[in-house]
Amino acid sequence: MKQFTANKKALALTLLALALTALMAWAVTLAFFTDYDEVENVFTLGKIKVSLEEPGWTDGDGLDLVPGSVREKDPTVTALEGQSYMRIRMELLDGDGTLITDPARIDLILATLFYDTAYGSTSPHIVGAENYATTDLAALVAANKVYAEYNKDDFTFAGREVGKPGVRYYNYRYIFDTDDPAHDTAVLFTTVVIPKDWANAEVFTLHGSTYETTPAGSVEVVEEGKGYRIVLKAEAIQAAEMPSAEAAFEALNDATGVTIG
C-alpha cells in the first residue's frame, strides 16, 4: 500500500495512492458471471475478464504533496475477455482504513481529481510542471478541456452506497467489449491536482487533521490527521441475456450486496 506523507513546513498533504488490493466477492448462488478486479490480480469467473492498472503512476509519486502539486494518476480498466457491463467502485478511507463520512472532506478529495480530455496526447491540458489555482482549474473545466472528478464521456455517476457517503459508483456508459477497440479500455480520471491557492484550512481538512483558529487569525493543528486513501475496484457483469444496462447494474448490486442511492 502506497501512502503520501506529510511535511508540515511545506503544508504537505497526506494522501494515499490507489490501494488497488486484490479483492473478490463471490457466492455460489450468483445468477450471472461477474468479475471483480484491481491492479494486482486478474480474476476470471466464467465468460468475462477485466483488469485495472495505473500506467502513469509510480511508487513515490504521492510523497510530500503541497498546494500546487500535479500528479498523473490514471486508473485504467481493460476488457480482457467477453462483453460486460462495467463500473468502478470508489472508496474514500481515512489513513487508518476507516470510511470517511465528513461531507466537507469528501468534497475536498473529489475536488483534487480531474480527467484531462487530452490524456494520452503530446499536449495535455494539465501539465505536471505547472501550478494551478482554483480559478485556473475552473476555467479548464468550463472550456471542456478537463472534467472535474471523473471522465464524463465514458462514465456516469451512479450514486453512493446507502449509509456510506464515502463509497461511490461510476457506471461505464457502453458495453465493455474486448473485441471493440472503441470500448475495450476506460480511464476514470487522469490527474490529481492540489490547487496552489488552498490555505491551511483546506489542507488540514484534506489531511484529516482537526484545527482551530487562534485569536490572531492563524489556523493551527490540534490533532494531526493520518491522510486518506482512495481505493478503486473494477466490477463487471456479463452483458449476455441482460435486457438493459439498468438491469445489469441492478443484478450487479444484488451480486455484491449493495444498495445505491
C-alpha atoms as a PDB file:
ATOM      1  CA  MET A   1       0.000   0.000   0.000  1.00  0.00           C
ATOM      2  CA  LYS A   2       1.390   3.389  -1.040  1.00  0.00           C
ATOM      3  CA  GLN A   3       0.735   6.342   1.262  1.00  0.00           C
ATOM      4  CA  PHE A   4       1.502  10.004   0.911  1.00  0.00           C
ATOM      5  CA  THR A   5       3.479  11.501   3.794  1.00  0.00           C
ATOM      6  CA  ALA A   6       3.105  14.964   5.293  1.00  0.00           C
ATOM      7  CA  ASN A   7       5.588  17.807   5.648  1.00  0.00           C
ATOM      8  CA  LYS A   8       4.206  20.473   7.977  1.00  0.00           C
ATOM      9  CA  LYS A   9       6.594  23.201   6.882  1.00  0.00           C
ATOM     10  CA  ALA A  10       5.502  22.876   3.282  1.00  0.00           C
ATOM     11  CA  LEU A  11       1.813  22.352   4.089  1.00  0.00           C
ATOM     12  CA  ALA A  12       2.244  18.867   2.710  1.00  0.00           C
ATOM     13  CA  LEU A  13      -0.740  16.636   2.314  1.00  0.00           C
ATOM     14  CA  THR A  14      -1.059  13.054   3.337  1.00  0.00           C
ATOM     15  CA  LEU A  15      -2.877  11.291   0.578  1.00  0.00           C
ATOM     16  CA  LEU A  16      -2.795   7.690  -0.415  1.00  0.00           C
ATOM     17  CA  ALA A  17      -2.115   6.252  -3.806  1.00  0.00           C
ATOM     18  CA  LEU A  18      -4.781   3.985  -5.121  1.00  0.00           C
ATOM     19  CA  ALA A  19      -4.506   0.956  -2.913  1.00  0.00           C
ATOM     20  CA  LEU A  20      -5.662  -1.430  -5.559  1.00  0.00           C
ATOM     21  CA  THR A  21      -5.624  -4.509  -3.407  1.00  0.00           C
ATOM     22  CA  ALA A  22      -6.902  -7.774  -4.751  1.00  0.00           C
ATOM     23  CA  LEU A  23     -10.451  -8.239  -3.567  1.00  0.00           C
ATOM     24  CA  MET A  24     -13.037 -10.608  -4.933  1.00  0.00           C
ATOM     25  CA  ALA A  25     -16.631 -11.137  -3.903  1.00  0.00           C
ATOM     26  CA  TRP A  26     -18.186 -14.406  -4.936  1.00  0.00           C
ATOM     27  CA  ALA A  27     -21.095 -16.583  -3.907  1.00  0.00           C
ATOM     28  CA  VAL A  28     -22.183 -19.858  -5.411  1.00  0.00           C
ATOM     29  CA  THR A  29     -25.732 -18.542  -5.652  1.00  0.00           C
ATOM     30  CA  LEU A  30     -24.856 -15.798  -8.171  1.00  0.00           C
ATOM     31  CA  ALA A  31     -27.086 -15.982 -11.234  1.00  0.00           C
ATOM     32  CA  PHE A  32     -24.653 -14.255 -13.584  1.00  0.00           C
ATOM     33  CA  PHE A  33     -20.959 -14.376 -14.370  1.00  0.00           C
ATOM     34  CA  THR A  34     -19.244 -11.462 -12.656  1.00  0.00           C
ATOM     35  CA  ASP A  35     -15.676 -10.253 -12.380  1.00  0.00           C
ATOM     36  CA  TYR A  36     -14.012  -8.146  -9.687  1.00  0.00           C
ATOM     37  CA  ASP A  37     -10.504  -6.932 -10.280  1.00  0.00           C
ATOM     38  CA  GLU A  38      -7.928  -4.416  -9.204  1.00  0.00           C
ATOM     39  CA  VAL A  39      -4.377  -3.700 -10.222  1.00  0.00           C
ATOM     40  CA  GLU A  40      -2.505  -6.632  -8.741  1.00  0.00           C
ATOM     41  CA  ASN A  41      -4.579  -9.583  -9.911  1.00  0.00           C
ATOM     42  CA  VAL A  42      -6.912 -10.730 -12.639  1.00  0.00           C
ATOM     43  CA  PHE A  43      -9.799 -13.000 -11.726  1.00  0.00           C
ATOM     44  CA  THR A  44     -11.869 -14.875 -14.267  1.00  0.00           C
ATOM     45  CA  LEU A  45     -15.367 -16.008 -13.392  1.00  0.00           C
ATOM     46  CA  GLY A  46     -16.971 -17.636 -16.387  1.00  0.00           C
ATOM     47  CA  LYS A  47     -17.167 -15.664 -19.609  1.00  0.00           C
ATOM     48  CA  ILE A  48     -15.779 -12.228 -18.730  1.00  0.00           C
ATOM     49  CA  LYS A  49     -12.499 -10.821 -17.515  1.00  0.00           C
ATOM     50  CA  VAL A  50     -11.290  -7.284 -16.741  1.00  0.00           C
ATOM     51  CA  SER A  51      -8.172  -5.728 -15.279  1.00  0.00           C
ATOM     52  CA  LEU A  52      -7.393  -2.433 -13.526  1.00  0.00           C
ATOM     53  CA  GLU A  53      -3.998  -0.727 -13.727  1.00  0.00           C
ATOM     54  CA  GLU A  54      -2.351   2.683 -13.304  1.00  0.00           C
ATOM     55  CA  PRO A  55       0.149   3.065 -16.154  1.00  0.00           C
ATOM     56  CA  GLY A  56       1.078   6.664 -15.332  1.00  0.00           C
ATOM     57  CA  TRP A  57       1.672   6.170 -11.609  1.00  0.00           C
ATOM     58  CA  THR A  58       4.927   5.113  -9.989  1.00  0.00           C
ATOM     59  CA  ASP A  59       5.881   4.494  -6.377  1.00  0.00           C
ATOM     60  CA  GLY A  60       6.703   7.717  -4.593  1.00  0.00           C
ATOM     61  CA  ASP A  61       4.523   9.962  -6.771  1.00  0.00           C
ATOM     62  CA  GLY A  62       2.302  10.727  -3.798  1.00  0.00           C
ATOM     63  CA  LEU A  63       5.012  11.699  -1.323  1.00  0.00           C
ATOM     64  CA  ASP A  64       5.117  15.201   0.181  1.00  0.00           C
ATOM     65  CA  LEU A  65       2.469  16.794  -1.991  1.00  0.00           C
ATOM     66  CA  VAL A  66       1.937  20.506  -1.428  1.00  0.00           C
ATOM     67  CA  PRO A  67      -0.515  23.084  -2.780  1.00  0.00           C
ATOM     68  CA  GLY A  68       0.408  23.387  -6.449  1.00  0.00           C
ATOM     69  CA  SER A  69       1.383  19.736  -6.871  1.00  0.00           C
ATOM     70  CA  VAL A  70       0.243  17.937 -10.029  1.00  0.00           C
ATOM     71  CA  ARG A  71       0.485  14.172 -10.470  1.00  0.00           C
ATOM     72  CA  GLU A  72      -0.609  11.902 -13.299  1.00  0.00           C
ATOM     73  CA  LYS A  73      -2.914   9.270 -11.855  1.00  0.00           C
ATOM     74  CA  ASP A  74      -4.833   7.199 -14.361  1.00  0.00           C
ATOM     75  CA  PRO A  75      -6.838   4.187 -13.151  1.00  0.00           C
ATOM     76  CA  THR A  76      -7.464   2.289 -16.382  1.00  0.00           C
ATOM     77  CA  VAL A  77      -9.814  -0.672 -16.827  1.00  0.00           C
ATOM     78  CA  THR A  78      -9.193  -3.060 -19.732  1.00  0.00           C
ATOM     79  CA  ALA A  79     -11.555  -5.692 -21.138  1.00  0.00           C
ATOM     80  CA  LEU A  80      -9.618  -8.944 -21.387  1.00  0.00           C
ATOM     81  CA  GLU A  81     -12.397 -11.369 -22.291  1.00  0.00           C
ATOM     82  CA  GLY A  82     -16.021 -11.191 -23.340  1.00  0.00           C
ATOM     83  CA  GLN A  83     -18.690  -8.494 -23.212  1.00  0.00           C
ATOM     84  CA  SER A  84     -19.797  -6.963 -19.947  1.00  0.00           C
ATOM     85  CA  TYR A  85     -21.359  -4.040 -18.176  1.00  0.00           C
ATOM     86  CA  MET A  86     -18.635  -2.481 -16.056  1.00  0.00           C
ATOM     87  CA  ARG A  87     -18.439   0.012 -13.223  1.00  0.00           C
ATOM     88  CA  ILE A  88     -15.842   1.364 -10.838  1.00  0.00           C
ATOM     89  CA  ARG A  89     -16.387   1.464  -7.092  1.00  0.00           C
ATOM     90  CA  MET A  90     -14.506   4.219  -5.253  1.00  0.00           C
ATOM     91  CA  GLU A  91     -13.908   4.071  -1.506  1.00  0.00           C
ATOM     92  CA  LEU A  92     -12.614   7.138   0.329  1.00  0.00           C
ATOM     93  CA  LEU A  93     -10.907   5.993   3.505  1.00  0.00           C
ATOM     94  CA  ASP A  94      -9.028   7.707   6.267  1.00  0.00           C
ATOM     95  CA  GLY A  95      -5.367   6.817   6.648  1.00  0.00           C
ATOM     96  CA  ASP A  96      -6.311   4.344   9.367  1.00  0.00           C
ATOM     97  CA  GLY A  97      -8.626   2.491   6.991  1.00  0.00           C
ATOM     98  CA  THR A  98     -11.966   3.752   8.298  1.00  0.00           C
ATOM     99  CA  LEU A  99     -14.552   5.036   5.846  1.00  0.00           C
ATOM    100  CA  ILE A 100     -14.691   8.829   5.590  1.00  0.00           C
ATOM    101  CA  THR A 101     -18.107  10.291   6.385  1.00  0.00           C
ATOM    102  CA  ASP A 102     -17.341  14.020   6.655  1.00  0.00           C
ATOM    103  CA  PRO A 103     -19.017  15.665   3.603  1.00  0.00           C
ATOM    104  CA  ALA A 104     -16.572  18.577   3.562  1.00  0.00           C
ATOM    105  CA  ARG A 105     -13.589  16.258   3.488  1.00  0.00           C
ATOM    106  CA  ILE A 106     -15.146  14.065   0.788  1.00  0.00           C
ATOM    107  CA  ASP A 107     -15.800  17.150  -1.350  1.00  0.00           C
ATOM    108  CA  LEU A 108     -12.183  18.288  -0.990  1.00  0.00           C
ATOM    109  CA  ILE A 109     -10.839  14.884  -2.009  1.00  0.00           C
ATOM    110  CA  LEU A 110     -13.056  14.841  -5.092  1.00  0.00           C
ATOM    111  CA  ALA A 111     -12.007  18.413  -5.896  1.00  0.00           C
ATOM    112  CA  THR A 112      -8.436  17.194  -6.479  1.00  0.00           C
ATOM    113  CA  LEU A 113      -9.436  14.708  -9.198  1.00  0.00           C
ATOM    114  CA  PHE A 114      -9.584  15.590 -12.899  1.00  0.00           C
ATOM    115  CA  TYR A 115      -9.911  13.861 -16.245  1.00  0.00           C
ATOM    116  CA  ASP A 116      -7.842  15.544 -18.956  1.00  0.00           C
ATOM    117  CA  THR A 117      -9.611  15.197 -22.324  1.00  0.00           C
ATOM    118  CA  ALA A 118      -6.167  15.354 -23.984  1.00  0.00           C
ATOM    119  CA  TYR A 119      -4.889  12.439 -21.888  1.00  0.00           C
ATOM    120  CA  GLY A 120      -2.508  10.289 -23.896  1.00  0.00           C
ATOM    121  CA  SER A 121      -1.619  13.059 -26.336  1.00  0.00           C
ATOM    122  CA  THR A 122       1.640  15.000 -26.564  1.00  0.00           C
ATOM    123  CA  SER A 123      -0.127  18.195 -25.459  1.00  0.00           C
ATOM    124  CA  PRO A 124      -2.171  17.558 -22.315  1.00  0.00           C
ATOM    125  CA  HIS A 125      -4.260  20.382 -20.947  1.00  0.00           C
ATOM    126  CA  ILE A 126      -2.926  19.848 -17.416  1.00  0.00           C
ATOM    127  CA  VAL A 127       0.863  19.983 -17.372  1.00  0.00           C
ATOM    128  CA  GLY A 128       2.772  18.484 -14.474  1.00  0.00           C
ATOM    129  CA  ALA A 129       5.389  21.228 -14.414  1.00  0.00           C
ATOM    130  CA  GLU A 130       2.810  23.982 -13.852  1.00  0.00           C
ATOM    131  CA  ASN A 131       0.897  25.122 -10.771  1.00  0.00           C
ATOM    132  CA  TYR A 132      -2.841  25.679 -10.936  1.00  0.00           C
ATOM    133  CA  ALA A 133      -5.075  27.904  -8.859  1.00  0.00           C
ATOM    134  CA  THR A 134      -8.718  27.041  -8.273  1.00  0.00           C
ATOM    135  CA  THR A 135      -9.734  29.589 -10.921  1.00  0.00           C
ATOM    136  CA  ASP A 136      -7.335  28.056 -13.459  1.00  0.00           C
ATOM    137  CA  LEU A 137      -8.896  24.636 -12.994  1.00  0.00           C
ATOM    138  CA  ALA A 138     -12.419  26.052 -13.164  1.00  0.00           C
ATOM    139  CA  ALA A 139     -11.553  27.726 -16.474  1.00  0.00           C
ATOM    140  CA  LEU A 140     -10.269  24.428 -17.908  1.00  0.00           C
ATOM    141  CA  VAL A 141     -13.484  22.717 -16.814  1.00  0.00           C
ATOM    142  CA  ALA A 142     -15.636  25.481 -18.298  1.00  0.00           C
ATOM    143  CA  ALA A 143     -13.793  25.108 -21.605  1.00  0.00           C
ATOM    144  CA  ASN A 144     -14.387  21.316 -21.558  1.00  0.00           C
ATOM    145  CA  LYS A 145     -10.649  20.736 -21.643  1.00  0.00           C
ATOM    146  CA  VAL A 146     -10.835  18.778 -18.410  1.00  0.00           C
ATOM    147  CA  TYR A 147     -13.653  17.214 -16.430  1.00  0.00           C
ATOM    148  CA  ALA A 148     -13.926  17.619 -12.692  1.00  0.00           C
ATOM    149  CA  GLU A 149     -13.764  14.365 -10.693  1.00  0.00           C
ATOM    150  CA  TYR A 150     -14.164  11.777 -13.488  1.00  0.00           C
ATOM    151  CA  ASN A 151     -14.342  11.035 -17.210  1.00  0.00           C
ATOM    152  CA  LYS A 152     -17.867  12.114 -18.143  1.00  0.00           C
ATOM    153  CA  ASP A 153     -17.544  10.921 -21.737  1.00  0.00           C
ATOM    154  CA  ASP A 154     -17.319   7.280 -20.691  1.00  0.00           C
ATOM    155  CA  PHE A 155     -18.837   7.139 -17.199  1.00  0.00           C
ATOM    156  CA  THR A 156     -21.899   8.323 -15.314  1.00  0.00           C
ATOM    157  CA  PHE A 157     -22.013   8.835 -11.571  1.00  0.00           C
ATOM    158  CA  ALA A 158     -24.417   6.171 -10.339  1.00  0.00           C
ATOM    159  CA  GLY A 159     -24.632   7.329  -6.727  1.00  0.00           C
ATOM    160  CA  ARG A 160     -23.368   6.496  -3.265  1.00  0.00           C
ATOM    161  CA  GLU A 161     -23.789   3.313  -1.301  1.00  0.00           C
ATOM    162  CA  VAL A 162     -26.675   3.893   1.086  1.00  0.00           C
ATOM    163  CA  GLY A 163     -25.340   4.785   4.532  1.00  0.00           C
ATOM    164  CA  LYS A 164     -21.784   5.138   3.232  1.00  0.00           C
ATOM    165  CA  PRO A 165     -21.188   8.574   1.658  1.00  0.00           C
ATOM    166  CA  GLY A 166     -17.536   7.705   1.117  1.00  0.00           C
ATOM    167  CA  VAL A 167     -18.409   4.842  -1.274  1.00  0.00           C
ATOM    168  CA  ARG A 168     -19.222   5.990  -4.805  1.00  0.00           C
ATOM    169  CA  TYR A 169     -20.040   4.188  -8.059  1.00  0.00           C
ATOM    170  CA  TYR A 170     -19.287   5.160 -11.647  1.00  0.00           C
ATOM    171  CA  ASN A 171     -21.023   3.180 -14.397  1.00  0.00           C
ATOM    172  CA  TYR A 172     -19.385   2.717 -17.792  1.00  0.00           C
ATOM    173  CA  ARG A 173     -21.769   4.059 -20.451  1.00  0.00           C
ATOM    174  CA  TYR A 174     -21.250   1.335 -23.055  1.00  0.00           C
ATOM    175  CA  ILE A 175     -20.886  -2.416 -23.298  1.00  0.00           C
ATOM    176  CA  PHE A 176     -17.317  -3.180 -22.321  1.00  0.00           C
ATOM    177  CA  ASP A 177     -16.073  -5.417 -25.116  1.00  0.00           C
ATOM    178  CA  THR A 178     -12.665  -6.962 -25.692  1.00  0.00           C
ATOM    179  CA  ASP A 179     -13.391  -7.121 -29.450  1.00  0.00           C
ATOM    180  CA  ASP A 180     -14.408  -3.446 -29.774  1.00  0.00           C
ATOM    181  CA  PRO A 181     -11.362  -1.118 -29.916  1.00  0.00           C
ATOM    182  CA  ALA A 182     -13.582   1.870 -29.107  1.00  0.00           C
ATOM    183  CA  HIS A 183     -14.858   0.291 -25.900  1.00  0.00           C
ATOM    184  CA  ASP A 184     -12.198  -2.080 -24.598  1.00  0.00           C
ATOM    185  CA  THR A 185     -10.463   0.372 -22.225  1.00  0.00           C
ATOM    186  CA  ALA A 186     -11.695   3.147 -19.953  1.00  0.00           C
ATOM    187  CA  VAL A 187      -9.916   5.675 -17.733  1.00  0.00           C
ATOM    188  CA  LEU A 188     -11.862   7.072 -14.767  1.00  0.00           C
ATOM    189  CA  PHE A 189      -9.615  10.087 -14.134  1.00  0.00           C
ATOM    190  CA  THR A 190      -6.101  11.096 -15.121  1.00  0.00           C
ATOM    191  CA  THR A 191      -4.730  13.686 -12.732  1.00  0.00           C
ATOM    192  CA  VAL A 192      -4.506  14.695  -9.096  1.00  0.00           C
ATOM    193  CA  VAL A 193      -4.106  18.453  -8.647  1.00  0.00           C
ATOM    194  CA  ILE A 194      -3.720  20.286  -5.343  1.00  0.00           C
ATOM    195  CA  PRO A 195      -4.733  23.910  -6.066  1.00  0.00           C
ATOM    196  CA  LYS A 196      -1.919  26.300  -5.265  1.00  0.00           C
ATOM    197  CA  ASP A 197      -4.289  28.721  -3.525  1.00  0.00           C
ATOM    198  CA  TRP A 198      -5.591  26.236  -0.982  1.00  0.00           C
ATOM    199  CA  ALA A 199      -4.915  27.518   2.531  1.00  0.00           C
ATOM    200  CA  ASN A 200      -4.276  25.770   5.826  1.00  0.00           C
ATOM    201  CA  ALA A 201      -7.958  25.053   6.467  1.00  0.00           C
ATOM    202  CA  GLU A 202      -8.345  23.089   3.210  1.00  0.00           C
ATOM    203  CA  VAL A 203      -5.028  21.319   3.644  1.00  0.00           C
ATOM    204  CA  PHE A 204      -5.705  20.281   7.225  1.00  0.00           C
ATOM    205  CA  THR A 205      -9.241  19.119   6.403  1.00  0.00           C
ATOM    206  CA  LEU A 206      -7.984  17.068   3.470  1.00  0.00           C
ATOM    207  CA  HIS A 207      -5.311  15.571   5.685  1.00  0.00           C
ATOM    208  CA  GLY A 208      -7.882  14.680   8.361  1.00  0.00           C
ATOM    209  CA  SER A 209      -6.404  16.968  10.987  1.00  0.00           C
ATOM    210  CA  THR A 210      -8.513  18.859  13.498  1.00  0.00           C
ATOM    211  CA  TYR A 211      -7.588  22.506  13.824  1.00  0.00           C
ATOM    212  CA  GLU A 212      -8.586  25.749  15.454  1.00  0.00           C
ATOM    213  CA  THR A 213      -8.317  29.414  14.560  1.00  0.00           C
ATOM    214  CA  THR A 214      -6.279  31.427  17.066  1.00  0.00           C
ATOM    215  CA  PRO A 215      -7.248  34.928  18.233  1.00  0.00           C
ATOM    216  CA  ALA A 216      -4.552  36.219  15.912  1.00  0.00           C
ATOM    217  CA  GLY A 217      -6.338  34.598  12.965  1.00  0.00           C
ATOM    218  CA  SER A 218      -3.901  31.773  12.237  1.00  0.00           C
ATOM    219  CA  VAL A 219      -5.041  28.173  11.737  1.00  0.00           C
ATOM    220  CA  GLU A 220      -3.245  25.659  13.919  1.00  0.00           C
ATOM    221  CA  VAL A 221      -3.479  21.868  14.122  1.00  0.00           C
ATOM    222  CA  VAL A 222      -4.979  20.445  17.296  1.00  0.00           C
ATOM    223  CA  GLU A 223      -4.649  16.784  16.322  1.00  0.00           C
ATOM    224  CA  GLU A 224      -2.605  15.549  13.376  1.00  0.00           C
ATOM    225  CA  GLY A 225      -4.535  13.567  10.783  1.00  0.00           C
ATOM    226  CA  LYS A 226      -3.490  10.368   9.038  1.00  0.00           C
ATOM    227  CA  GLY A 227      -4.203  11.303   5.451  1.00  0.00           C
ATOM    228  CA  TYR A 228      -6.619   9.421   3.256  1.00  0.00           C
ATOM    229  CA  ARG A 229      -6.838   6.565   0.829  1.00  0.00           C
ATOM    230  CA  ILE A 230      -8.616   6.211  -2.482  1.00  0.00           C
ATOM    231  CA  VAL A 231      -9.410   2.573  -3.167  1.00  0.00           C
ATOM    232  CA  LEU A 232     -10.828   1.719  -6.587  1.00  0.00           C
ATOM    233  CA  LYS A 233     -12.289  -1.571  -7.723  1.00  0.00           C
ATOM    234  CA  ALA A 234     -13.498  -2.531 -11.204  1.00  0.00           C
ATOM    235  CA  GLU A 235     -16.661  -4.642 -11.214  1.00  0.00           C
ATOM    236  CA  ALA A 236     -18.176  -6.286 -14.283  1.00  0.00           C
ATOM    237  CA  ILE A 237     -21.140  -8.487 -15.085  1.00  0.00           C
ATOM    238  CA  GLN A 238     -21.834 -10.364 -18.312  1.00  0.00           C
ATOM    239  CA  ALA A 239     -23.797  -8.463 -20.954  1.00  0.00           C
ATOM    240  CA  ALA A 240     -25.324 -11.612 -22.464  1.00  0.00           C
ATOM    241  CA  GLU A 241     -29.043 -12.018 -21.743  1.00  0.00           C
ATOM    242  CA  MET A 242     -29.219  -8.646 -19.971  1.00  0.00           C
ATOM    243  CA  PRO A 243     -32.220  -6.644 -21.258  1.00  0.00           C
ATOM    244  CA  SER A 244     -30.628  -3.296 -20.400  1.00  0.00           C
ATOM    245  CA  ALA A 245     -27.747  -1.592 -18.628  1.00  0.00           C
ATOM    246  CA  GLU A 246     -30.081  -0.764 -15.744  1.00  0.00           C
ATOM    247  CA  ALA A 247     -30.953  -4.430 -15.298  1.00  0.00           C
ATOM    248  CA  ALA A 248     -27.290  -5.391 -15.468  1.00  0.00           C
ATOM    249  CA  PHE A 249     -26.206  -2.937 -12.794  1.00  0.00           C
ATOM    250  CA  GLU A 250     -29.140  -3.909 -10.604  1.00  0.00           C
ATOM    251  CA  ALA A 251     -28.043  -7.531 -10.910  1.00  0.00           C
ATOM    252  CA  LEU A 252     -24.520  -6.446 -10.012  1.00  0.00           C
ATOM    253  CA  ASN A 253     -25.912  -4.691  -6.928  1.00  0.00           C
ATOM    254  CA  ASP A 254     -27.622  -7.924  -5.937  1.00  0.00           C
ATOM    255  CA  ALA A 255     -24.450  -9.902  -6.562  1.00  0.00           C
ATOM    256  CA  THR A 256     -22.337  -7.605  -4.412  1.00  0.00           C
ATOM    257  CA  GLY A 257     -24.994  -6.966  -1.769  1.00  0.00           C
ATOM    258  CA  VAL A 258     -25.095  -3.169  -2.057  1.00  0.00           C
ATOM    259  CA  THR A 259     -27.827  -0.556  -2.310  1.00  0.00           C
ATOM    260  CA  ILE A 260     -27.015   2.597  -4.225  1.00  0.00           C
ATOM    261  CA  GLY A 261     -28.955   5.784  -3.700  1.00  0.00           C
END
